[in-house]
Amino acid sequence: MAKEIAGQLKLQIKGGAANPSPPVGPALGSKGINIMEFCKQFNARTQDKAGKVLPVVITYYADKSFDFIVKNPPVAIQLLEVTNVKSGSAEPNRKKVAEVSWDQVKVIAEDKMADLNCFTVDSAMKMVAGTARSMGITVKGAFPANN
């Protein structure tokens, strides 16, 4: 018989760097989840992505057991890495901070495709471009036509 789900938690943690200090410890401890066990499992699974911010969805059960899904880094973080900028623009409609090409947008869209709610790479590219625009990052050129 399936376990009874008690709830879900969504956190963003740096890969390979989960520890019991805030925000991880209090969030898990209040739900009765074994903090050290989660940290060990998370760090083991994400040691290849050390330092990158990773969203994680933790499902915890009535018997205090848990399992979790690690997702790809957020689009905004990937855009900042590609452009080598510390943060987005405070006024994205007036002040632009960087530029990306459609090829770079396509790479990010293909990487993030599993976590987005779209079916084609073109629509994923448009979503990534929208995120870039809201961060004050300009996408160079016209949207590439279907091949």
N, C-alpha and C. Protein backbone atom coordinates (compact mmCIF):
# COMPACT_ATOMS: atom_id res chain seq x y z
N MET A 1 0.84 -1.19 0.00
CA MET A 1 0.00 0.00 0.00
C MET A 1 0.88 1.25 0.00
N ALA A 2 0.43 2.29 -0.67
CA ALA A 2 1.20 3.53 -0.79
C ALA A 2 1.22 4.27 0.55
N LYS A 3 2.31 5.01 0.75
CA LYS A 3 2.43 5.81 1.96
C LYS A 3 1.49 7.01 1.88
N GLU A 4 1.04 7.48 3.04
CA GLU A 4 0.17 8.65 3.09
C GLU A 4 1.02 9.91 3.05
N ILE A 5 0.81 10.75 2.04
CA ILE A 5 1.58 11.98 1.89
C ILE A 5 1.08 13.01 2.89
N ALA A 6 2.02 13.55 3.67
CA ALA A 6 1.68 14.57 4.66
C ALA A 6 1.81 15.97 4.08
N GLY A 7 2.68 16.15 3.07
CA GLY A 7 2.83 17.46 2.46
C GLY A 7 4.05 17.56 1.58
N GLN A 8 4.27 18.76 1.04
CA GLN A 8 5.42 19.04 0.18
C GLN A 8 6.09 20.33 0.60
N LEU A 9 7.39 20.38 0.41
CA LEU A 9 8.19 21.58 0.66
C LEU A 9 8.96 21.91 -0.60
N LYS A 10 9.09 23.18 -0.91
CA LYS A 10 9.91 23.61 -2.04
C LYS A 10 11.00 24.53 -1.51
N LEU A 11 12.26 24.18 -1.77
CA LEU A 11 13.39 24.98 -1.33
C LEU A 11 14.34 25.19 -2.49
N GLN A 12 15.20 26.20 -2.37
CA GLN A 12 16.29 26.40 -3.32
C GLN A 12 17.58 26.35 -2.51
N ILE A 13 18.42 25.36 -2.83
CA ILE A 13 19.64 25.11 -2.08
C ILE A 13 20.80 25.02 -3.05
N LYS A 14 21.98 25.51 -2.65
CA LYS A 14 23.17 25.37 -3.49
C LYS A 14 23.58 23.90 -3.53
N GLY A 15 23.91 23.42 -4.71
CA GLY A 15 24.28 22.02 -4.90
C GLY A 15 25.47 21.62 -4.05
N GLY A 16 25.35 20.50 -3.36
CA GLY A 16 26.43 19.98 -2.53
C GLY A 16 26.68 20.77 -1.26
N ALA A 17 25.78 21.71 -0.94
CA ALA A 17 26.02 22.59 0.22
C ALA A 17 24.85 22.63 1.19
N ALA A 18 24.04 21.58 1.24
CA ALA A 18 22.93 21.57 2.19
C ALA A 18 23.49 21.31 3.59
N ASN A 19 23.08 22.13 4.55
CA ASN A 19 23.48 21.91 5.94
C ASN A 19 22.30 22.26 6.85
N PRO A 20 22.35 21.84 8.13
CA PRO A 20 21.19 22.02 9.00
C PRO A 20 20.91 23.45 9.43
N SER A 21 21.74 24.40 9.03
CA SER A 21 21.49 25.79 9.41
C SER A 21 20.34 26.36 8.59
N PRO A 22 19.78 27.51 8.99
CA PRO A 22 18.69 28.10 8.21
C PRO A 22 19.13 28.37 6.78
N PRO A 23 18.27 28.26 5.81
CA PRO A 23 16.83 28.02 5.87
C PRO A 23 16.44 26.54 5.86
N VAL A 24 17.40 25.64 5.60
CA VAL A 24 17.07 24.21 5.44
C VAL A 24 16.60 23.59 6.75
N GLY A 25 17.38 23.75 7.83
CA GLY A 25 17.08 23.11 9.11
C GLY A 25 15.70 23.40 9.66
N PRO A 26 15.35 24.69 9.85
CA PRO A 26 14.03 25.01 10.41
C PRO A 26 12.87 24.54 9.51
N ALA A 27 13.05 24.64 8.19
CA ALA A 27 11.97 24.23 7.28
C ALA A 27 11.70 22.74 7.41
N LEU A 28 12.76 21.94 7.49
CA LEU A 28 12.58 20.49 7.59
C LEU A 28 12.20 20.07 9.01
N GLY A 29 12.83 20.69 10.01
CA GLY A 29 12.59 20.33 11.40
C GLY A 29 11.15 20.55 11.82
N SER A 30 10.53 21.62 11.33
CA SER A 30 9.14 21.90 11.71
C SER A 30 8.17 20.85 11.16
N LYS A 31 8.60 20.12 10.11
CA LYS A 31 7.76 19.07 9.53
C LYS A 31 8.11 17.69 10.08
N GLY A 32 9.14 17.63 10.94
CA GLY A 32 9.53 16.35 11.54
C GLY A 32 10.40 15.50 10.65
N ILE A 33 11.05 16.11 9.66
CA ILE A 33 11.91 15.36 8.74
C ILE A 33 13.32 15.30 9.33
N ASN A 34 14.00 14.17 9.17
CA ASN A 34 15.37 14.01 9.64
C ASN A 34 16.28 14.91 8.81
N ILE A 35 16.76 15.99 9.43
CA ILE A 35 17.52 17.02 8.71
C ILE A 35 18.85 16.48 8.19
N MET A 36 19.58 15.78 9.03
CA MET A 36 20.90 15.28 8.62
C MET A 36 20.79 14.25 7.50
N GLU A 37 19.78 13.41 7.55
CA GLU A 37 19.60 12.41 6.49
C GLU A 37 19.32 13.09 5.16
N PHE A 38 18.46 14.13 5.18
CA PHE A 38 18.19 14.87 3.95
C PHE A 38 19.46 15.52 3.42
N CYS A 39 20.21 16.18 4.30
CA CYS A 39 21.44 16.87 3.87
C CYS A 39 22.42 15.90 3.23
N LYS A 40 22.60 14.72 3.83
CA LYS A 40 23.52 13.71 3.28
C LYS A 40 23.07 13.27 1.89
N GLN A 41 21.78 12.94 1.75
CA GLN A 41 21.26 12.48 0.46
C GLN A 41 21.35 13.58 -0.60
N PHE A 42 20.96 14.79 -0.23
CA PHE A 42 20.98 15.91 -1.19
C PHE A 42 22.40 16.20 -1.65
N ASN A 43 23.34 16.27 -0.72
CA ASN A 43 24.72 16.56 -1.07
C ASN A 43 25.32 15.46 -1.94
N ALA A 44 24.95 14.21 -1.68
CA ALA A 44 25.46 13.10 -2.50
C ALA A 44 24.92 13.19 -3.93
N ARG A 45 23.65 13.54 -4.08
CA ARG A 45 23.04 13.61 -5.42
C ARG A 45 23.50 14.82 -6.22
N THR A 46 23.89 15.89 -5.53
CA THR A 46 24.18 17.14 -6.24
C THR A 46 25.65 17.53 -6.21
N GLN A 47 26.54 16.62 -5.88
CA GLN A 47 27.96 16.99 -5.81
C GLN A 47 28.53 17.36 -7.17
N ASP A 48 27.93 16.88 -8.26
CA ASP A 48 28.40 17.25 -9.60
C ASP A 48 27.96 18.67 -9.99
N LYS A 49 26.98 19.24 -9.29
CA LYS A 49 26.49 20.59 -9.58
C LYS A 49 26.81 21.53 -8.42
N ALA A 50 27.97 21.35 -7.81
CA ALA A 50 28.34 22.12 -6.63
C ALA A 50 28.34 23.62 -6.92
N GLY A 51 27.73 24.38 -6.00
CA GLY A 51 27.72 25.83 -6.11
C GLY A 51 26.54 26.40 -6.87
N LYS A 52 25.86 25.59 -7.69
CA LYS A 52 24.70 26.10 -8.43
C LYS A 52 23.45 26.02 -7.56
N VAL A 53 22.61 27.03 -7.66
CA VAL A 53 21.35 27.04 -6.91
C VAL A 53 20.40 26.05 -7.59
N LEU A 54 19.88 25.10 -6.81
CA LEU A 54 19.00 24.07 -7.36
C LEU A 54 17.68 24.04 -6.61
N PRO A 55 16.56 24.14 -7.33
CA PRO A 55 15.26 23.96 -6.67
C PRO A 55 15.07 22.49 -6.31
N VAL A 56 14.51 22.24 -5.16
CA VAL A 56 14.25 20.86 -4.73
C VAL A 56 12.82 20.80 -4.17
N VAL A 57 12.08 19.76 -4.58
CA VAL A 57 10.71 19.54 -4.08
C VAL A 57 10.77 18.32 -3.18
N ILE A 58 10.50 18.52 -1.89
CA ILE A 58 10.56 17.45 -0.90
C ILE A 58 9.14 17.01 -0.58
N THR A 59 8.87 15.74 -0.78
CA THR A 59 7.58 15.16 -0.40
C THR A 59 7.80 14.40 0.89
N TYR A 60 7.07 14.76 1.95
CA TYR A 60 7.22 14.05 3.21
C TYR A 60 5.92 13.32 3.54
N TYR A 61 6.08 12.19 4.22
CA TYR A 61 4.98 11.28 4.48
C TYR A 61 4.61 11.28 5.96
N ALA A 62 3.46 10.68 6.27
CA ALA A 62 2.95 10.64 7.64
C ALA A 62 3.90 9.89 8.58
N ASP A 63 4.65 8.92 8.06
CA ASP A 63 5.59 8.16 8.90
C ASP A 63 6.96 8.84 9.03
N LYS A 64 7.03 10.13 8.67
CA LYS A 64 8.23 10.98 8.77
C LYS A 64 9.32 10.63 7.76
N SER A 65 9.04 9.75 6.81
CA SER A 65 10.01 9.49 5.74
C SER A 65 9.81 10.56 4.66
N PHE A 66 10.73 10.61 3.72
CA PHE A 66 10.65 11.64 2.68
C PHE A 66 11.35 11.14 1.42
N ASP A 67 11.02 11.79 0.30
CA ASP A 67 11.83 11.67 -0.90
C ASP A 67 11.79 13.04 -1.59
N PHE A 68 12.73 13.26 -2.49
CA PHE A 68 12.82 14.58 -3.08
C PHE A 68 13.26 14.50 -4.54
N ILE A 69 12.90 15.56 -5.28
CA ILE A 69 13.24 15.69 -6.69
C ILE A 69 14.07 16.95 -6.83
N VAL A 70 15.25 16.81 -7.43
CA VAL A 70 16.11 17.96 -7.68
C VAL A 70 15.86 18.41 -9.11
N LYS A 71 15.58 19.70 -9.29
CA LYS A 71 15.30 20.24 -10.62
C LYS A 71 16.52 20.98 -11.15
N ASN A 72 16.44 21.45 -12.39
CA ASN A 72 17.53 22.21 -12.99
C ASN A 72 17.56 23.62 -12.39
N PRO A 73 18.71 24.29 -12.45
CA PRO A 73 18.79 25.65 -11.91
C PRO A 73 17.77 26.58 -12.58
N PRO A 74 17.27 27.59 -11.85
CA PRO A 74 16.31 28.53 -12.42
C PRO A 74 16.88 29.26 -13.65
N VAL A 75 16.00 29.65 -14.54
CA VAL A 75 16.40 30.34 -15.78
C VAL A 75 17.15 31.62 -15.44
N ALA A 76 16.69 32.37 -14.45
CA ALA A 76 17.34 33.63 -14.09
C ALA A 76 18.79 33.39 -13.67
N ILE A 77 19.05 32.35 -12.92
CA ILE A 77 20.42 32.03 -12.48
C ILE A 77 21.27 31.66 -13.70
N GLN A 78 20.71 30.85 -14.61
CA GLN A 78 21.45 30.46 -15.81
C GLN A 78 21.78 31.67 -16.69
N LEU A 79 20.83 32.60 -16.80
CA LEU A 79 21.08 33.82 -17.58
C LEU A 79 22.20 34.65 -16.96
N LEU A 80 22.22 34.75 -15.64
CA LEU A 80 23.28 35.50 -14.97
C LEU A 80 24.64 34.84 -15.20
N GLU A 81 24.67 33.51 -15.19
CA GLU A 81 25.93 32.79 -15.45
C GLU A 81 26.42 33.02 -16.87
N VAL A 82 25.50 32.98 -17.84
CA VAL A 82 25.88 33.16 -19.24
C VAL A 82 26.40 34.56 -19.50
N THR A 83 25.79 35.55 -18.87
CA THR A 83 26.16 36.95 -19.13
C THR A 83 27.26 37.47 -18.21
N ASN A 84 27.63 36.70 -17.19
CA ASN A 84 28.64 37.12 -16.20
C ASN A 84 28.27 38.44 -15.52
N VAL A 85 27.00 38.58 -15.19
CA VAL A 85 26.51 39.77 -14.50
C VAL A 85 26.14 39.34 -13.08
N LYS A 86 26.32 40.24 -12.10
CA LYS A 86 26.01 39.88 -10.71
C LYS A 86 24.50 39.80 -10.46
N SER A 87 23.74 40.73 -11.04
CA SER A 87 22.29 40.73 -10.84
C SER A 87 21.61 41.39 -12.03
N GLY A 88 20.30 41.24 -12.09
CA GLY A 88 19.53 41.87 -13.16
C GLY A 88 19.40 43.36 -12.92
N SER A 89 18.77 44.04 -13.84
CA SER A 89 18.60 45.48 -13.76
C SER A 89 17.50 45.86 -12.77
N ALA A 90 17.71 46.95 -12.04
CA ALA A 90 16.67 47.46 -11.15
C ALA A 90 15.53 48.07 -11.95
N GLU A 91 15.86 48.61 -13.13
CA GLU A 91 14.86 49.19 -14.03
C GLU A 91 15.02 48.53 -15.40
N PRO A 92 14.47 47.32 -15.58
CA PRO A 92 14.70 46.58 -16.83
C PRO A 92 14.15 47.24 -18.08
N ASN A 93 13.14 48.11 -17.94
CA ASN A 93 12.60 48.78 -19.13
C ASN A 93 13.47 49.95 -19.58
N ARG A 94 14.30 50.50 -18.68
CA ARG A 94 15.14 51.66 -19.02
C ARG A 94 16.61 51.29 -19.13
N LYS A 95 17.09 50.51 -18.20
CA LYS A 95 18.53 50.24 -18.09
C LYS A 95 18.81 48.76 -18.39
N LYS A 96 19.51 48.52 -19.49
CA LYS A 96 19.86 47.15 -19.88
C LYS A 96 21.25 46.83 -19.32
N VAL A 97 21.41 45.59 -18.83
CA VAL A 97 22.69 45.23 -18.20
C VAL A 97 23.54 44.28 -19.04
N ALA A 98 22.93 43.56 -20.00
CA ALA A 98 23.70 42.60 -20.79
C ALA A 98 22.93 42.22 -22.04
N GLU A 99 23.59 41.40 -22.89
CA GLU A 99 22.95 40.86 -24.09
C GLU A 99 23.22 39.37 -24.17
N VAL A 100 22.25 38.62 -24.72
CA VAL A 100 22.44 37.20 -25.00
C VAL A 100 21.99 36.94 -26.44
N SER A 101 22.51 35.89 -27.02
CA SER A 101 22.11 35.52 -28.39
C SER A 101 21.00 34.47 -28.31
N TRP A 102 20.34 34.26 -29.43
CA TRP A 102 19.28 33.25 -29.48
C TRP A 102 19.86 31.85 -29.29
N ASP A 103 21.12 31.65 -29.68
CA ASP A 103 21.76 30.35 -29.46
C ASP A 103 21.92 30.06 -27.97
N GLN A 104 22.32 31.09 -27.21
CA GLN A 104 22.45 30.93 -25.77
C GLN A 104 21.08 30.68 -25.13
N VAL A 105 20.07 31.38 -25.62
CA VAL A 105 18.70 31.19 -25.11
C VAL A 105 18.25 29.76 -25.39
N LYS A 106 18.58 29.24 -26.58
CA LYS A 106 18.17 27.88 -26.94
C LYS A 106 18.83 26.84 -26.03
N VAL A 107 20.10 27.03 -25.69
CA VAL A 107 20.80 26.10 -24.80
C VAL A 107 20.12 26.07 -23.43
N ILE A 108 19.80 27.25 -22.90
CA ILE A 108 19.12 27.34 -21.60
C ILE A 108 17.74 26.71 -21.68
N ALA A 109 17.00 26.97 -22.76
CA ALA A 109 15.65 26.43 -22.92
C ALA A 109 15.67 24.91 -22.99
N GLU A 110 16.64 24.34 -23.72
CA GLU A 110 16.73 22.88 -23.81
C GLU A 110 17.09 22.26 -22.47
N ASP A 111 17.95 22.94 -21.70
CA ASP A 111 18.33 22.45 -20.37
C ASP A 111 17.14 22.48 -19.41
N LYS A 112 16.34 23.52 -19.48
CA LYS A 112 15.24 23.72 -18.53
C LYS A 112 13.91 23.13 -19.01
N MET A 113 13.90 22.57 -20.22
CA MET A 113 12.67 22.08 -20.86
C MET A 113 11.83 21.16 -19.95
N ALA A 114 12.46 20.28 -19.20
CA ALA A 114 11.72 19.32 -18.36
C ALA A 114 10.93 20.01 -17.25
N ASP A 115 11.40 21.17 -16.80
CA ASP A 115 10.74 21.86 -15.69
C ASP A 115 9.73 22.91 -16.15
N LEU A 116 9.69 23.22 -17.44
CA LEU A 116 8.77 24.25 -17.94
C LEU A 116 7.45 23.62 -18.37
N ASN A 117 6.40 24.42 -18.40
CA ASN A 117 5.10 23.91 -18.83
C ASN A 117 4.85 24.26 -20.29
N CYS A 118 5.70 23.71 -21.17
CA CYS A 118 5.54 23.91 -22.60
C CYS A 118 5.98 22.64 -23.32
N PHE A 119 5.63 22.54 -24.58
CA PHE A 119 5.88 21.30 -25.32
C PHE A 119 6.94 21.41 -26.39
N THR A 120 7.22 22.62 -26.86
CA THR A 120 8.20 22.77 -27.93
C THR A 120 9.37 23.63 -27.45
N VAL A 121 10.51 23.45 -28.10
CA VAL A 121 11.70 24.22 -27.76
C VAL A 121 11.46 25.70 -28.08
N ASP A 122 10.73 25.98 -29.17
CA ASP A 122 10.44 27.37 -29.54
C ASP A 122 9.69 28.10 -28.42
N SER A 123 8.66 27.45 -27.86
CA SER A 123 7.91 28.11 -26.79
C SER A 123 8.77 28.23 -25.53
N ALA A 124 9.64 27.26 -25.28
CA ALA A 124 10.55 27.36 -24.14
C ALA A 124 11.52 28.53 -24.34
N MET A 125 11.99 28.71 -25.59
CA MET A 125 12.89 29.83 -25.88
C MET A 125 12.21 31.16 -25.64
N LYS A 126 10.92 31.26 -25.99
CA LYS A 126 10.18 32.50 -25.76
C LYS A 126 10.03 32.78 -24.26
N MET A 127 9.85 31.71 -23.46
CA MET A 127 9.74 31.88 -22.01
C MET A 127 11.07 32.37 -21.42
N VAL A 128 12.17 31.78 -21.89
CA VAL A 128 13.50 32.21 -21.42
C VAL A 128 13.77 33.65 -21.84
N ALA A 129 13.39 34.00 -23.07
CA ALA A 129 13.58 35.37 -23.55
C ALA A 129 12.76 36.35 -22.71
N GLY A 130 11.58 35.97 -22.31
CA GLY A 130 10.75 36.81 -21.44
C GLY A 130 11.39 37.03 -20.08
N THR A 131 11.98 35.99 -19.54
CA THR A 131 12.70 36.12 -18.26
C THR A 131 13.88 37.07 -18.43
N ALA A 132 14.61 36.91 -19.54
CA ALA A 132 15.75 37.78 -19.81
C ALA A 132 15.29 39.24 -19.90
N ARG A 133 14.19 39.48 -20.61
CA ARG A 133 13.67 40.83 -20.79
C ARG A 133 13.31 41.45 -19.43
N SER A 134 12.72 40.64 -18.54
CA SER A 134 12.31 41.17 -17.24
C SER A 134 13.50 41.40 -16.31
N MET A 135 14.68 40.87 -16.69
CA MET A 135 15.89 41.10 -15.91
C MET A 135 16.73 42.23 -16.49
N GLY A 136 16.31 42.82 -17.60
CA GLY A 136 17.08 43.88 -18.23
C GLY A 136 18.17 43.34 -19.13
N ILE A 137 17.99 42.10 -19.62
CA ILE A 137 18.95 41.49 -20.55
C ILE A 137 18.32 41.49 -21.94
N THR A 138 19.02 42.04 -22.92
CA THR A 138 18.52 42.12 -24.29
C THR A 138 18.86 40.85 -25.04
N VAL A 139 17.91 40.34 -25.84
CA VAL A 139 18.17 39.20 -26.70
C VAL A 139 18.48 39.75 -28.10
N LYS A 140 19.68 39.46 -28.60
CA LYS A 140 20.13 40.01 -29.88
C LYS A 140 19.44 39.32 -31.06
N GLY A 141 19.06 40.10 -32.05
CA GLY A 141 18.54 39.56 -33.30
C GLY A 141 17.06 39.23 -33.23
N ALA A 142 16.57 38.69 -34.35
CA ALA A 142 15.17 38.30 -34.47
C ALA A 142 15.03 36.83 -34.06
N PHE A 143 13.84 36.47 -33.62
CA PHE A 143 13.57 35.08 -33.23
C PHE A 143 13.82 34.18 -34.44
N PRO A 144 14.62 33.11 -34.28
CA PRO A 144 14.92 32.25 -35.42
C PRO A 144 13.67 31.54 -35.93
N ALA A 145 13.49 31.52 -37.25
CA ALA A 145 12.33 30.86 -37.85
C ALA A 145 12.47 29.35 -37.72
N ASN A 146 11.33 28.66 -37.79
CA ASN A 146 11.36 27.19 -37.72
C ASN A 146 12.20 26.62 -38.85
N ASN A 147 13.00 25.62 -38.51
CA ASN A 147 13.90 25.04 -39.51
C ASN A 147 13.14 24.16 -40.47
